[in-house]
Amino acid sequence: MEIDKDRIDDAILALLYLTLDGDGRAWKGFDWSAMNRLHEKGFIGNPVNKAKSVWLTDKGIVRSEQLFHEMFMVQR
């Protein structure tokens, strides 16, 4: 079987929404290669730095919220 890296990236982006603060920063404790892919896709700033958080772009904030609701919210 082959791993679908795009789905992994979507899950990580959705989870980044959980720790997103008012300044657009989120905890970056995820796989480095996935974080680099999210950066290449334009969803987050460059994750290679000493900070323990990463900033989400406007595009990343919108997409992370959308994915979070799709993946983790209960429809009632």
PDB file of N, CA and C in Angstrom:
ATOM      1  N   MET A   1       0.838  -1.184   0.000  1.00  0.00           N
ATOM      2  CA  MET A   1       0.000   0.000   0.000  1.00  0.00           C
ATOM      3  C   MET A   1       0.881   1.245   0.000  1.00  0.00           C
ATOM      4  N   GLU A   2       0.321   2.306  -0.525  1.00  0.00           N
ATOM      5  CA  GLU A   2       1.031   3.575  -0.595  1.00  0.00           C
ATOM      6  C   GLU A   2       0.359   4.592   0.334  1.00  0.00           C
ATOM      7  N   ILE A   3       1.155   5.377   1.010  1.00  0.00           N
ATOM      8  CA  ILE A   3       0.632   6.407   1.908  1.00  0.00           C
ATOM      9  C   ILE A   3       0.206   7.623   1.091  1.00  0.00           C
ATOM     10  N   ASP A   4      -0.976   8.128   1.376  1.00  0.00           N
ATOM     11  CA  ASP A   4      -1.490   9.325   0.716  1.00  0.00           C
ATOM     12  C   ASP A   4      -1.013  10.544   1.510  1.00  0.00           C
ATOM     13  N   LYS A   5       0.078  11.131   1.081  1.00  0.00           N
ATOM     14  CA  LYS A   5       0.682  12.246   1.812  1.00  0.00           C
ATOM     15  C   LYS A   5      -0.219  13.474   1.830  1.00  0.00           C
ATOM     16  N   ASP A   6      -1.038  13.652   0.811  1.00  0.00           N
ATOM     17  CA  ASP A   6      -1.961  14.791   0.804  1.00  0.00           C
ATOM     18  C   ASP A   6      -2.988  14.670   1.927  1.00  0.00           C
ATOM     19  N   ARG A   7      -3.452  13.459   2.185  1.00  0.00           N
ATOM     20  CA  ARG A   7      -4.413  13.255   3.283  1.00  0.00           C
ATOM     21  C   ARG A   7      -3.742  13.457   4.632  1.00  0.00           C
ATOM     22  N   ILE A   8      -2.483  13.025   4.744  1.00  0.00           N
ATOM     23  CA  ILE A   8      -1.708  13.264   5.971  1.00  0.00           C
ATOM     24  C   ILE A   8      -1.579  14.777   6.185  1.00  0.00           C
ATOM     25  N   ASP A   9      -1.220  15.489   5.119  1.00  0.00           N
ATOM     26  CA  ASP A   9      -1.065  16.944   5.207  1.00  0.00           C
ATOM     27  C   ASP A   9      -2.373  17.609   5.625  1.00  0.00           C
ATOM     28  N   ASP A  10      -3.490  17.152   5.074  1.00  0.00           N
ATOM     29  CA  ASP A  10      -4.796  17.706   5.447  1.00  0.00           C
ATOM     30  C   ASP A  10      -5.085  17.470   6.928  1.00  0.00           C
ATOM     31  N   ALA A  11      -4.782  16.272   7.420  1.00  0.00           N
ATOM     32  CA  ALA A  11      -5.027  15.965   8.832  1.00  0.00           C
ATOM     33  C   ALA A  11      -4.167  16.848   9.734  1.00  0.00           C
ATOM     34  N   ILE A  12      -2.909  17.035   9.375  1.00  0.00           N
ATOM     35  CA  ILE A  12      -2.025  17.884  10.180  1.00  0.00           C
ATOM     36  C   ILE A  12      -2.502  19.329  10.138  1.00  0.00           C
ATOM     37  N   LEU A  13      -2.892  19.812   8.977  1.00  0.00           N
ATOM     38  CA  LEU A  13      -3.389  21.180   8.870  1.00  0.00           C
ATOM     39  C   LEU A  13      -4.649  21.358   9.719  1.00  0.00           C
ATOM     40  N   ALA A  14      -5.520  20.360   9.732  1.00  0.00           N
ATOM     41  CA  ALA A  14      -6.722  20.416  10.568  1.00  0.00           C
ATOM     42  C   ALA A  14      -6.345  20.441  12.045  1.00  0.00           C
ATOM     43  N   LEU A  15      -5.364  19.649  12.441  1.00  0.00           N
ATOM     44  CA  LEU A  15      -4.935  19.620  13.840  1.00  0.00           C
ATOM     45  C   LEU A  15      -4.220  20.906  14.243  1.00  0.00           C
ATOM     46  N   LEU A  16      -3.554  21.563  13.319  1.00  0.00           N
ATOM     47  CA  LEU A  16      -2.933  22.854  13.630  1.00  0.00           C
ATOM     48  C   LEU A  16      -3.992  23.865  14.068  1.00  0.00           C
ATOM     49  N   TYR A  17      -5.199  23.707  13.565  1.00  0.00           N
ATOM     50  CA  TYR A  17      -6.294  24.608  13.934  1.00  0.00           C
ATOM     51  C   TYR A  17      -6.581  24.554  15.438  1.00  0.00           C
ATOM     52  N   LEU A  18      -6.353  23.400  16.063  1.00  0.00           N
ATOM     53  CA  LEU A  18      -6.608  23.245  17.502  1.00  0.00           C
ATOM     54  C   LEU A  18      -5.768  24.190  18.343  1.00  0.00           C
ATOM     55  N   THR A  19      -4.532  24.455  17.923  1.00  0.00           N
ATOM     56  CA  THR A  19      -3.639  25.289  18.724  1.00  0.00           C
ATOM     57  C   THR A  19      -3.432  26.673  18.115  1.00  0.00           C
ATOM     58  N   LEU A  20      -4.233  27.012  17.139  1.00  0.00           N
ATOM     59  CA  LEU A  20      -4.116  28.306  16.472  1.00  0.00           C
ATOM     60  C   LEU A  20      -4.480  29.430  17.443  1.00  0.00           C
ATOM     61  N   ASP A  21      -3.582  30.415  17.575  1.00  0.00           N
ATOM     62  CA  ASP A  21      -3.883  31.545  18.449  1.00  0.00           C
ATOM     63  C   ASP A  21      -4.377  32.734  17.631  1.00  0.00           C
ATOM     64  N   GLY A  22      -4.673  33.819  18.302  1.00  0.00           N
ATOM     65  CA  GLY A  22      -5.217  34.994  17.636  1.00  0.00           C
ATOM     66  C   GLY A  22      -4.256  35.674  16.679  1.00  0.00           C
ATOM     67  N   ASP A  23      -2.971  35.344  16.790  1.00  0.00           N
ATOM     68  CA  ASP A  23      -1.958  35.925  15.904  1.00  0.00           C
ATOM     69  C   ASP A  23      -1.654  35.045  14.702  1.00  0.00           C
ATOM     70  N   GLY A  24      -2.389  33.943  14.555  1.00  0.00           N
ATOM     71  CA  GLY A  24      -2.181  33.060  13.407  1.00  0.00           C
ATOM     72  C   GLY A  24      -1.031  32.085  13.567  1.00  0.00           C
ATOM     73  N   ARG A  25      -0.616  31.843  14.819  1.00  0.00           N
ATOM     74  CA  ARG A  25       0.478  30.897  15.070  1.00  0.00           C
ATOM     75  C   ARG A  25      -0.094  29.628  15.700  1.00  0.00           C
ATOM     76  N   ALA A  26       0.556  28.496  15.408  1.00  0.00           N
ATOM     77  CA  ALA A  26       0.121  27.209  15.942  1.00  0.00           C
ATOM     78  C   ALA A  26       1.349  26.388  16.318  1.00  0.00           C
ATOM     79  N   TRP A  27       1.177  25.506  17.282  1.00  0.00           N
ATOM     80  CA  TRP A  27       2.224  24.596  17.719  1.00  0.00           C
ATOM     81  C   TRP A  27       2.647  23.730  16.547  1.00  0.00           C
ATOM     82  N   LYS A  28       3.957  23.555  16.353  1.00  0.00           N
ATOM     83  CA  LYS A  28       4.426  22.831  15.167  1.00  0.00           C
ATOM     84  C   LYS A  28       5.020  21.465  15.482  1.00  0.00           C
ATOM     85  N   GLY A  29       4.494  20.760  16.437  1.00  0.00           N
ATOM     86  CA  GLY A  29       5.040  19.477  16.843  1.00  0.00           C
ATOM     87  C   GLY A  29       4.616  18.313  15.959  1.00  0.00           C
ATOM     88  N   PHE A  30       4.780  18.451  14.661  1.00  0.00           N
ATOM     89  CA  PHE A  30       4.409  17.397  13.724  1.00  0.00           C
ATOM     90  C   PHE A  30       5.608  17.010  12.865  1.00  0.00           C
ATOM     91  N   ASP A  31       5.453  15.973  12.095  1.00  0.00           N
ATOM     92  CA  ASP A  31       6.496  15.464  11.204  1.00  0.00           C
ATOM     93  C   ASP A  31       7.076  16.579  10.335  1.00  0.00           C
ATOM     94  N   TRP A  32       8.415  16.666  10.309  1.00  0.00           N
ATOM     95  CA  TRP A  32       9.083  17.744   9.577  1.00  0.00           C
ATOM     96  C   TRP A  32       8.793  17.718   8.081  1.00  0.00           C
ATOM     97  N   SER A  33       8.780  16.548   7.483  1.00  0.00           N
ATOM     98  CA  SER A  33       8.541  16.504   6.035  1.00  0.00           C
ATOM     99  C   SER A  33       7.119  16.947   5.704  1.00  0.00           C
ATOM    100  N   ALA A  34       6.162  16.623   6.557  1.00  0.00           N
ATOM    101  CA  ALA A  34       4.787  17.083   6.336  1.00  0.00           C
ATOM    102  C   ALA A  34       4.703  18.598   6.504  1.00  0.00           C
ATOM    103  N   MET A  35       5.397  19.129   7.502  1.00  0.00           N
ATOM    104  CA  MET A  35       5.397  20.578   7.704  1.00  0.00           C
ATOM    105  C   MET A  35       6.035  21.288   6.505  1.00  0.00           C
ATOM    106  N   ASN A  36       7.091  20.710   5.971  1.00  0.00           N
ATOM    107  CA  ASN A  36       7.723  21.290   4.781  1.00  0.00           C
ATOM    108  C   ASN A  36       6.774  21.271   3.585  1.00  0.00           C
ATOM    109  N   ARG A  37       6.010  20.181   3.432  1.00  0.00           N
ATOM    110  CA  ARG A  37       5.040  20.119   2.329  1.00  0.00           C
ATOM    111  C   ARG A  37       3.965  21.192   2.495  1.00  0.00           C
ATOM    112  N   LEU A  38       3.495  21.400   3.731  1.00  0.00           N
ATOM    113  CA  LEU A  38       2.491  22.443   3.973  1.00  0.00           C
ATOM    114  C   LEU A  38       3.057  23.825   3.647  1.00  0.00           C
ATOM    115  N   HIS A  39       4.331  24.020   3.935  1.00  0.00           N
ATOM    116  CA  HIS A  39       4.988  25.284   3.578  1.00  0.00           C
ATOM    117  C   HIS A  39       5.053  25.439   2.058  1.00  0.00           C
ATOM    118  N   GLU A  40       5.439  24.372   1.369  1.00  0.00           N
ATOM    119  CA  GLU A  40       5.525  24.412  -0.095  1.00  0.00           C
ATOM    120  C   GLU A  40       4.162  24.668  -0.738  1.00  0.00           C
ATOM    121  N   LYS A  41       3.092  24.212  -0.085  1.00  0.00           N
ATOM    122  CA  LYS A  41       1.735  24.422  -0.603  1.00  0.00           C
ATOM    123  C   LYS A  41       1.193  25.807  -0.254  1.00  0.00           C
ATOM    124  N   GLY A  42       1.940  26.571   0.539  1.00  0.00           N
ATOM    125  CA  GLY A  42       1.532  27.928   0.877  1.00  0.00           C
ATOM    126  C   GLY A  42       0.593  28.052   2.060  1.00  0.00           C
ATOM    127  N   PHE A  43       0.474  26.994   2.884  1.00  0.00           N
ATOM    128  CA  PHE A  43      -0.427  27.034   4.029  1.00  0.00           C
ATOM    129  C   PHE A  43       0.235  27.562   5.296  1.00  0.00           C
ATOM    130  N   ILE A  44       1.547  27.389   5.422  1.00  0.00           N
ATOM    131  CA  ILE A  44       2.260  27.847   6.615  1.00  0.00           C
ATOM    132  C   ILE A  44       3.549  28.554   6.204  1.00  0.00           C
ATOM    133  N   GLY A  45       4.068  29.344   7.143  1.00  0.00           N
ATOM    134  CA  GLY A  45       5.370  29.960   6.930  1.00  0.00           C
ATOM    135  C   GLY A  45       6.454  28.899   7.036  1.00  0.00           C
ATOM    136  N   ASN A  46       7.678  29.298   6.797  1.00  0.00           N
ATOM    137  CA  ASN A  46       8.800  28.362   6.843  1.00  0.00           C
ATOM    138  C   ASN A  46       8.921  27.763   8.243  1.00  0.00           C
ATOM    139  N   PRO A  47       8.778  26.440   8.373  1.00  0.00           N
ATOM    140  CA  PRO A  47       8.829  25.815   9.692  1.00  0.00           C
ATOM    141  C   PRO A  47      10.248  25.632  10.231  1.00  0.00           C
ATOM    142  N   VAL A  48      11.251  25.898   9.411  1.00  0.00           N
ATOM    143  CA  VAL A  48      12.634  25.677   9.830  1.00  0.00           C
ATOM    144  C   VAL A  48      13.126  26.921  10.571  1.00  0.00           C
ATOM    145  N   ASN A  49      12.954  26.893  11.883  1.00  0.00           N
ATOM    146  CA  ASN A  49      13.454  27.947  12.768  1.00  0.00           C
ATOM    147  C   ASN A  49      13.436  27.416  14.193  1.00  0.00           C
ATOM    148  N   LYS A  50      13.889  28.210  15.136  1.00  0.00           N
ATOM    149  CA  LYS A  50      13.978  27.754  16.525  1.00  0.00           C
ATOM    150  C   LYS A  50      12.666  27.881  17.291  1.00  0.00           C
ATOM    151  N   ALA A  51      11.704  28.581  16.730  1.00  0.00           N
ATOM    152  CA  ALA A  51      10.413  28.756  17.404  1.00  0.00           C
ATOM    153  C   ALA A  51       9.674  27.421  17.482  1.00  0.00           C
ATOM    154  N   LYS A  52       8.883  27.260  18.527  1.00  0.00           N
ATOM    155  CA  LYS A  52       8.095  26.039  18.681  1.00  0.00           C
ATOM    156  C   LYS A  52       6.730  26.152  18.013  1.00  0.00           C
ATOM    157  N   SER A  53       6.514  27.288  17.361  1.00  0.00           N
ATOM    158  CA  SER A  53       5.253  27.482  16.648  1.00  0.00           C
ATOM    159  C   SER A  53       5.552  27.920  15.225  1.00  0.00           C
ATOM    160  N   VAL A  54       4.528  27.848  14.407  1.00  0.00           N
ATOM    161  CA  VAL A  54       4.637  28.246  13.007  1.00  0.00           C
ATOM    162  C   VAL A  54       3.436  29.126  12.694  1.00  0.00           C
ATOM    163  N   TRP A  55       3.600  30.094  11.788  1.00  0.00           N
ATOM    164  CA  TRP A  55       2.455  30.932  11.443  1.00  0.00           C
ATOM    165  C   TRP A  55       1.742  30.346  10.236  1.00  0.00           C
ATOM    166  N   LEU A  56       0.434  30.426  10.280  1.00  0.00           N
ATOM    167  CA  LEU A  56      -0.384  29.995   9.152  1.00  0.00           C
ATOM    168  C   LEU A  56      -0.664  31.202   8.266  1.00  0.00           C
ATOM    169  N   THR A  57      -0.603  30.990   6.979  1.00  0.00           N
ATOM    170  CA  THR A  57      -0.957  32.046   6.035  1.00  0.00           C
ATOM    171  C   THR A  57      -2.471  32.239   6.081  1.00  0.00           C
ATOM    172  N   ASP A  58      -2.961  33.301   5.472  1.00  0.00           N
ATOM    173  CA  ASP A  58      -4.416  33.500   5.412  1.00  0.00           C
ATOM    174  C   ASP A  58      -5.085  32.294   4.765  1.00  0.00           C
ATOM    175  N   LYS A  59      -4.476  31.804   3.696  1.00  0.00           N
ATOM    176  CA  LYS A  59      -4.974  30.609   2.999  1.00  0.00           C
ATOM    177  C   LYS A  59      -4.957  29.404   3.946  1.00  0.00           C
ATOM    178  N   GLY A  60      -3.900  29.285   4.747  1.00  0.00           N
ATOM    179  CA  GLY A  60      -3.771  28.175   5.683  1.00  0.00           C
ATOM    180  C   GLY A  60      -4.795  28.222   6.795  1.00  0.00           C
ATOM    181  N   ILE A  61      -5.082  29.425   7.293  1.00  0.00           N
ATOM    182  CA  ILE A  61      -6.084  29.564   8.358  1.00  0.00           C
ATOM    183  C   ILE A  61      -7.458  29.137   7.851  1.00  0.00           C
ATOM    184  N   VAL A  62      -7.826  29.611   6.680  1.00  0.00           N
ATOM    185  CA  VAL A  62      -9.130  29.259   6.103  1.00  0.00           C
ATOM    186  C   VAL A  62      -9.219  27.756   5.871  1.00  0.00           C
ATOM    187  N   ARG A  63      -8.184  27.183   5.265  1.00  0.00           N
ATOM    188  CA  ARG A  63      -8.198  25.746   4.950  1.00  0.00           C
ATOM    189  C   ARG A  63      -8.158  24.902   6.220  1.00  0.00           C
ATOM    190  N   SER A  64      -7.387  25.305   7.223  1.00  0.00           N
ATOM    191  CA  SER A  64      -7.306  24.513   8.452  1.00  0.00           C
ATOM    192  C   SER A  64      -8.653  24.476   9.163  1.00  0.00           C
ATOM    193  N   GLU A  65      -9.347  25.610   9.189  1.00  0.00           N
ATOM    194  CA  GLU A  65     -10.669  25.632   9.814  1.00  0.00           C
ATOM    195  C   GLU A  65     -11.648  24.752   9.042  1.00  0.00           C
ATOM    196  N   GLN A  66     -11.614  24.852   7.731  1.00  0.00           N
ATOM    197  CA  GLN A  66     -12.499  24.038   6.892  1.00  0.00           C
ATOM    198  C   GLN A  66     -12.244  22.547   7.126  1.00  0.00           C
ATOM    199  N   LEU A  67     -10.985  22.147   7.105  1.00  0.00           N
ATOM    200  CA  LEU A  67     -10.645  20.738   7.304  1.00  0.00           C
ATOM    201  C   LEU A  67     -11.006  20.273   8.708  1.00  0.00           C
ATOM    202  N   PHE A  68     -10.771  21.120   9.706  1.00  0.00           N
ATOM    203  CA  PHE A  68     -11.115  20.759  11.078  1.00  0.00           C
ATOM    204  C   PHE A  68     -12.601  20.456  11.192  1.00  0.00           C
ATOM    205  N   HIS A  69     -13.430  21.324  10.620  1.00  0.00           N
ATOM    206  CA  HIS A  69     -14.882  21.110  10.680  1.00  0.00           C
ATOM    207  C   HIS A  69     -15.290  19.851   9.920  1.00  0.00           C
ATOM    208  N   GLU A  70     -14.688  19.615   8.768  1.00  0.00           N
ATOM    209  CA  GLU A  70     -15.011  18.416   7.983  1.00  0.00           C
ATOM    210  C   GLU A  70     -14.614  17.137   8.708  1.00  0.00           C
ATOM    211  N   MET A  71     -13.460  17.139   9.343  1.00  0.00           N
ATOM    212  CA  MET A  71     -12.911  15.910   9.918  1.00  0.00           C
ATOM    213  C   MET A  71     -13.354  15.633  11.349  1.00  0.00           C
ATOM    214  N   PHE A  72     -13.584  16.683  12.139  1.00  0.00           N
ATOM    215  CA  PHE A  72     -13.722  16.468  13.574  1.00  0.00           C
ATOM    216  C   PHE A  72     -15.004  16.986  14.210  1.00  0.00           C
ATOM    217  N   MET A  73     -15.835  17.692  13.477  1.00  0.00           N
ATOM    218  CA  MET A  73     -17.069  18.209  14.065  1.00  0.00           C
ATOM    219  C   MET A  73     -18.211  17.212  13.860  1.00  0.00           C
ATOM    220  N   VAL A  74     -19.045  17.094  14.867  1.00  0.00           N
ATOM    221  CA  VAL A  74     -20.206  16.207  14.810  1.00  0.00           C
ATOM    222  C   VAL A  74     -21.360  16.973  14.175  1.00  0.00           C
ATOM    223  N   GLN A  75     -21.958  16.387  13.162  1.00  0.00           N
ATOM    224  CA  GLN A  75     -23.117  16.996  12.502  1.00  0.00           C
ATOM    225  C   GLN A  75     -24.376  16.614  13.270  1.00  0.00           C
ATOM    226  N   ARG A  76     -25.158  17.600  13.675  1.00  0.00           N
ATOM    227  CA  ARG A  76     -26.394  17.312  14.426  1.00  0.00           C
ATOM    228  C   ARG A  76     -27.573  17.926  13.745  1.00  0.00           C
TER     229      ARG A  76
END
